[in-house]
Protein backbone atom coordinates (compact mmCIF):
# COMPACT_ATOMS: atom_id res chain seq x y z
CA MET A 1 0.06 0.09 -0.06
CA SER A 2 1.51 3.27 -0.93
CA VAL A 3 2.16 5.93 1.42
CA LEU A 4 -0.99 7.81 -0.25
CA VAL A 5 -3.16 5.70 -0.01
CA ARG A 6 -1.70 4.74 3.67
CA LEU A 7 -2.39 8.90 4.66
CA GLY A 8 -6.02 8.39 3.18
CA VAL A 9 -7.10 5.48 5.51
CA ALA A 10 -5.73 6.92 8.16
CA ALA A 11 -7.59 10.53 7.43
CA LEU A 12 -11.14 8.72 7.26
CA PHE A 13 -10.37 6.49 10.18
CA ALA A 14 -9.38 10.22 11.84
CA ALA A 15 -12.42 11.49 10.76
CA HIS A 16 -14.50 8.64 11.67
CA ILE A 17 -13.77 8.73 15.23
CA ALA A 18 -13.68 12.47 15.77
CA SER A 19 -17.80 12.42 14.57
CA ALA A 20 -18.08 10.13 16.66
CA TYR A 21 -17.29 11.90 19.19
CA ALA A 22 -18.54 14.94 18.17
CA ALA A 23 -21.82 15.86 20.27
CA ALA A 24 -24.61 18.19 19.55
CA ALA A 25 -26.79 19.52 22.35
CA GLU A 26 -30.06 18.13 22.82
CA PRO A 27 -33.21 20.37 24.26
CA LEU A 28 -34.70 19.91 26.89
CA SER A 29 -38.83 19.35 27.03
CA PHE A 30 -41.61 18.66 29.24
CA THR A 31 -44.66 16.86 28.17
CA VAL A 32 -47.90 16.07 29.00
CA GLU A 33 -49.60 13.32 26.95
CA GLY A 34 -49.90 15.19 23.59
CA ASP A 35 -48.44 18.94 25.38
CA SER A 36 -44.93 19.60 25.26
CA TYR A 37 -42.83 22.90 25.59
CA VAL A 38 -39.35 22.47 24.78
CA VAL A 39 -36.58 25.19 25.91
CA PRO A 40 -34.92 27.09 23.33
CA ARG A 41 -31.44 26.13 23.44
CA ASP A 42 -30.25 30.27 23.88
CA ASP A 43 -32.71 30.40 27.28
CA LEU A 44 -31.11 27.47 28.97
CA VAL A 45 -28.84 29.78 30.57
CA SER A 46 -26.77 27.39 33.29
CA VAL A 47 -26.15 24.18 33.31
CA GLU A 48 -24.02 22.91 36.62
CA THR A 49 -23.53 19.78 38.08
CA HIS A 50 -22.50 19.49 41.92
CA GLU A 51 -19.03 16.85 43.82
CA THR A 52 -21.73 15.45 46.01
CA GLY A 53 -24.47 14.78 43.07
CA GLY A 54 -26.97 16.82 41.44
CA LEU A 55 -27.64 18.63 38.50
CA THR A 56 -28.84 22.56 38.43
CA PHE A 57 -30.02 24.55 35.70
CA CYS A 58 -31.17 28.22 35.15
CA LEU A 59 -33.80 29.32 32.54
CA ALA A 60 -33.88 32.60 30.58
CA PRO A 61 -37.03 34.83 32.05
CA GLY A 62 -39.18 33.95 28.87
CA ALA A 63 -38.61 30.28 29.20
CA GLU A 64 -39.21 30.27 33.24
CA LYS A 65 -42.76 32.47 31.89
CA ALA A 66 -43.27 29.53 29.61
CA LEU A 67 -42.50 26.69 31.65
CA THR A 68 -44.90 28.37 34.47
CA ASP A 69 -47.86 28.24 32.22
CA PHE A 70 -46.91 24.74 30.95
CA THR A 71 -47.29 23.71 34.53
CA ALA A 72 -49.98 26.04 35.21
CA ARG A 73 -52.22 23.95 32.33
CA HIS A 74 -51.60 20.63 34.09
CA PRO A 75 -52.80 20.42 37.92
CA ASP A 76 -52.00 17.15 39.42
CA GLU A 77 -51.02 15.60 36.06
CA THR A 78 -47.41 13.62 35.36
CA VAL A 79 -44.98 15.38 33.24
CA SER A 80 -42.01 13.60 31.12
CA ILE A 81 -39.22 15.05 31.18
CA ALA A 82 -36.60 14.29 28.14
CA ILE A 83 -33.43 15.20 26.77
CA GLY A 84 -33.45 15.07 22.91
CA ASP A 85 -35.24 11.49 22.38
CA THR A 86 -34.50 9.78 25.80
CA ASN A 87 -37.65 10.51 28.80
CA VAL A 88 -34.89 10.68 31.56
CA PHE A 89 -37.47 11.52 34.46
CA TYR A 90 -40.85 11.54 35.23
CA LEU A 91 -43.00 14.30 38.14
CA LYS A 92 -46.31 14.86 39.97
CA ILE A 93 -46.80 18.85 38.92
CA VAL A 94 -48.29 19.26 42.60
CA LYS A 95 -48.18 23.18 41.94
CA PRO A 96 -46.94 25.19 38.95
CA TYR A 97 -43.57 26.30 38.34
CA GLY A 98 -42.66 30.00 39.67
CA GLY A 99 -39.11 30.61 37.98
CA GLY A 100 -35.37 30.44 39.14
CA CYS A 101 -33.25 27.38 38.89
CA ILE A 102 -34.56 23.65 38.77
CA ASN A 103 -32.36 20.91 40.67
CA TRP A 104 -32.56 17.30 40.41
CA PRO A 105 -31.23 15.33 42.84
CA LEU A 106 -29.03 13.12 41.13
CA HIS A 107 -25.67 10.35 41.10
CA PRO A 108 -23.02 12.20 40.62
CA LYS A 109 -22.32 10.41 37.29
CA VAL A 110 -25.86 11.17 36.28
CA ALA A 111 -26.05 14.40 36.92
CA GLN A 112 -22.50 14.14 34.08
CA ASN A 113 -24.17 13.05 31.66
CA TYR A 114 -27.52 14.58 31.32
CA ARG A 115 -25.29 17.76 31.25
CA ASN A 116 -23.02 16.99 28.38
CA MET A 117 -26.33 15.85 26.93
CA LEU A 118 -27.83 19.71 26.94
CA LEU A 119 -24.59 21.12 26.44
CA GLY A 120 -23.29 18.99 23.50
CA GLU A 121 -19.82 18.75 25.57
CA VAL A 122 -18.36 14.58 25.59
CA THR A 123 -16.78 13.56 28.14
CA ALA A 124 -12.95 11.76 27.80
CA GLN A 125 -13.35 7.83 27.17
């Protein structure tokens, strides 16, 4: 095999590996039956994990209002929370969300995985 062919094969392999590790940010959505609210990417203003576990995310004011309106439409119903196409949490709406950051008590590795999904980041394997 010539040097040029070997370099071409190596470049294709490297491109394949790079695309496998490239990640796109996945949307955060809240769904009750056919009604959904998807948080616009730019309205997810911070996503933080904590050493002891847990994930905290904060929304822009417009998203806070939209999520408050969404939860107000569904009192005593169960909302499915998804990241991308993956349902990650189910929660019964006891009272409408009223703004502020949302804290999820999660295992540290789960919190980091969810953060990576939301931000489109990849952790080195």
